[in-house]
Amino acid sequence: MSEPRLEDIGDYDTLKGEKKKVVWTVIVGALLVGVLYVVAYSYYDQEDDSIKVEETINTIPVK
């Protein structure tokens, strides 16, 4: 049994047919997921939900 060679693959130089559609589907899907992440992050990331601390810690108790 011999190793497969790149020259033996039918679409070695360019993607054609079904493989090209799959590659473009994956690329578009990844871009859509990225856009949805950025939109969700900017919508749900609010800076006013932090807890404000009025006191400072002067000494740390040692047990």
C-alpha atoms as a PDB file:
ATOM      1  CA  MET A   1       0.000   0.000   0.000  1.00  0.00           C
ATOM      2  CA  SER A   2       1.543   3.302  -1.047  1.00  0.00           C
ATOM      3  CA  GLU A   3       1.112   6.770   0.376  1.00  0.00           C
ATOM      4  CA  PRO A   4      -1.365   9.068  -1.414  1.00  0.00           C
ATOM      5  CA  ARG A   5       0.232  11.819  -3.491  1.00  0.00           C
ATOM      6  CA  LEU A   6      -1.025  15.384  -3.878  1.00  0.00           C
ATOM      7  CA  GLU A   7      -0.918  15.030  -7.642  1.00  0.00           C
ATOM      8  CA  ASP A   8      -3.460  12.202  -7.430  1.00  0.00           C
ATOM      9  CA  ILE A   9      -6.091  14.364  -5.743  1.00  0.00           C
ATOM     10  CA  GLY A  10      -8.677  15.613  -8.235  1.00  0.00           C
ATOM     11  CA  ASP A  11      -8.817  19.212  -6.993  1.00  0.00           C
ATOM     12  CA  TYR A  12      -5.153  19.673  -6.100  1.00  0.00           C
ATOM     13  CA  ASP A  13      -4.788  23.144  -7.645  1.00  0.00           C
ATOM     14  CA  THR A  14      -8.236  24.606  -6.920  1.00  0.00           C
ATOM     15  CA  LEU A  15     -11.302  23.660  -4.954  1.00  0.00           C
ATOM     16  CA  LYS A  16     -14.236  22.719  -7.128  1.00  0.00           C
ATOM     17  CA  GLY A  17     -17.781  21.556  -6.630  1.00  0.00           C
ATOM     18  CA  GLU A  18     -19.014  20.299  -3.280  1.00  0.00           C
ATOM     19  CA  LYS A  19     -15.725  20.865  -1.419  1.00  0.00           C
ATOM     20  CA  LYS A  20     -15.737  24.531  -2.402  1.00  0.00           C
ATOM     21  CA  LYS A  21     -19.286  24.935  -1.072  1.00  0.00           C
ATOM     22  CA  VAL A  22     -18.333  23.279   2.216  1.00  0.00           C
ATOM     23  CA  VAL A  23     -15.280  25.518   2.660  1.00  0.00           C
ATOM     24  CA  TRP A  24     -17.305  28.678   1.992  1.00  0.00           C
ATOM     25  CA  THR A  25     -20.083  27.489   4.313  1.00  0.00           C
ATOM     26  CA  VAL A  26     -17.568  26.997   7.131  1.00  0.00           C
ATOM     27  CA  ILE A  27     -15.984  30.411   6.521  1.00  0.00           C
ATOM     28  CA  VAL A  28     -19.339  32.231   6.445  1.00  0.00           C
ATOM     29  CA  GLY A  29     -20.536  30.317   9.512  1.00  0.00           C
ATOM     30  CA  ALA A  30     -17.413  31.253  11.468  1.00  0.00           C
ATOM     31  CA  LEU A  31     -17.820  34.906  10.501  1.00  0.00           C
ATOM     32  CA  LEU A  32     -21.476  34.872  11.591  1.00  0.00           C
ATOM     33  CA  VAL A  33     -20.581  33.349  14.955  1.00  0.00           C
ATOM     34  CA  GLY A  34     -17.914  36.038  15.387  1.00  0.00           C
ATOM     35  CA  VAL A  35     -20.360  38.817  14.572  1.00  0.00           C
ATOM     36  CA  LEU A  36     -22.952  37.390  16.968  1.00  0.00           C
ATOM     37  CA  TYR A  37     -20.308  37.185  19.713  1.00  0.00           C
ATOM     38  CA  VAL A  38     -19.251  40.808  19.224  1.00  0.00           C
ATOM     39  CA  VAL A  39     -22.872  42.014  19.230  1.00  0.00           C
ATOM     40  CA  ALA A  40     -23.743  39.990  22.348  1.00  0.00           C
ATOM     41  CA  TYR A  41     -20.571  41.106  24.129  1.00  0.00           C
ATOM     42  CA  SER A  42     -21.210  44.772  23.429  1.00  0.00           C
ATOM     43  CA  TYR A  43     -24.888  44.485  24.406  1.00  0.00           C
ATOM     44  CA  TYR A  44     -24.469  42.537  27.653  1.00  0.00           C
ATOM     45  CA  ASP A  45     -21.174  44.019  28.846  1.00  0.00           C
ATOM     46  CA  GLN A  46     -22.233  46.871  31.075  1.00  0.00           C
ATOM     47  CA  GLU A  47     -19.815  48.720  33.284  1.00  0.00           C
ATOM     48  CA  ASP A  48     -22.372  49.897  35.836  1.00  0.00           C
ATOM     49  CA  ASP A  49     -22.764  46.438  37.394  1.00  0.00           C
ATOM     50  CA  SER A  50     -19.543  46.638  39.415  1.00  0.00           C
ATOM     51  CA  ILE A  51     -19.584  46.722  43.220  1.00  0.00           C
ATOM     52  CA  LYS A  52     -18.161  49.914  44.671  1.00  0.00           C
ATOM     53  CA  VAL A  53     -16.072  49.607  47.811  1.00  0.00           C
ATOM     54  CA  GLU A  54     -16.061  52.629  50.094  1.00  0.00           C
ATOM     55  CA  GLU A  55     -13.605  51.374  52.726  1.00  0.00           C
ATOM     56  CA  THR A  56      -9.941  50.585  52.349  1.00  0.00           C
ATOM     57  CA  ILE A  57      -8.186  47.728  54.102  1.00  0.00           C
ATOM     58  CA  ASN A  58      -5.538  49.073  56.466  1.00  0.00           C
ATOM     59  CA  THR A  59      -4.303  45.844  58.028  1.00  0.00           C
ATOM     60  CA  ILE A  60      -4.733  42.225  57.116  1.00  0.00           C
ATOM     61  CA  PRO A  61      -5.493  39.990  60.080  1.00  0.00           C
ATOM     62  CA  VAL A  62      -3.084  37.044  60.491  1.00  0.00           C
ATOM     63  CA  LYS A  63      -4.361  33.826  61.992  1.00  0.00           C
END
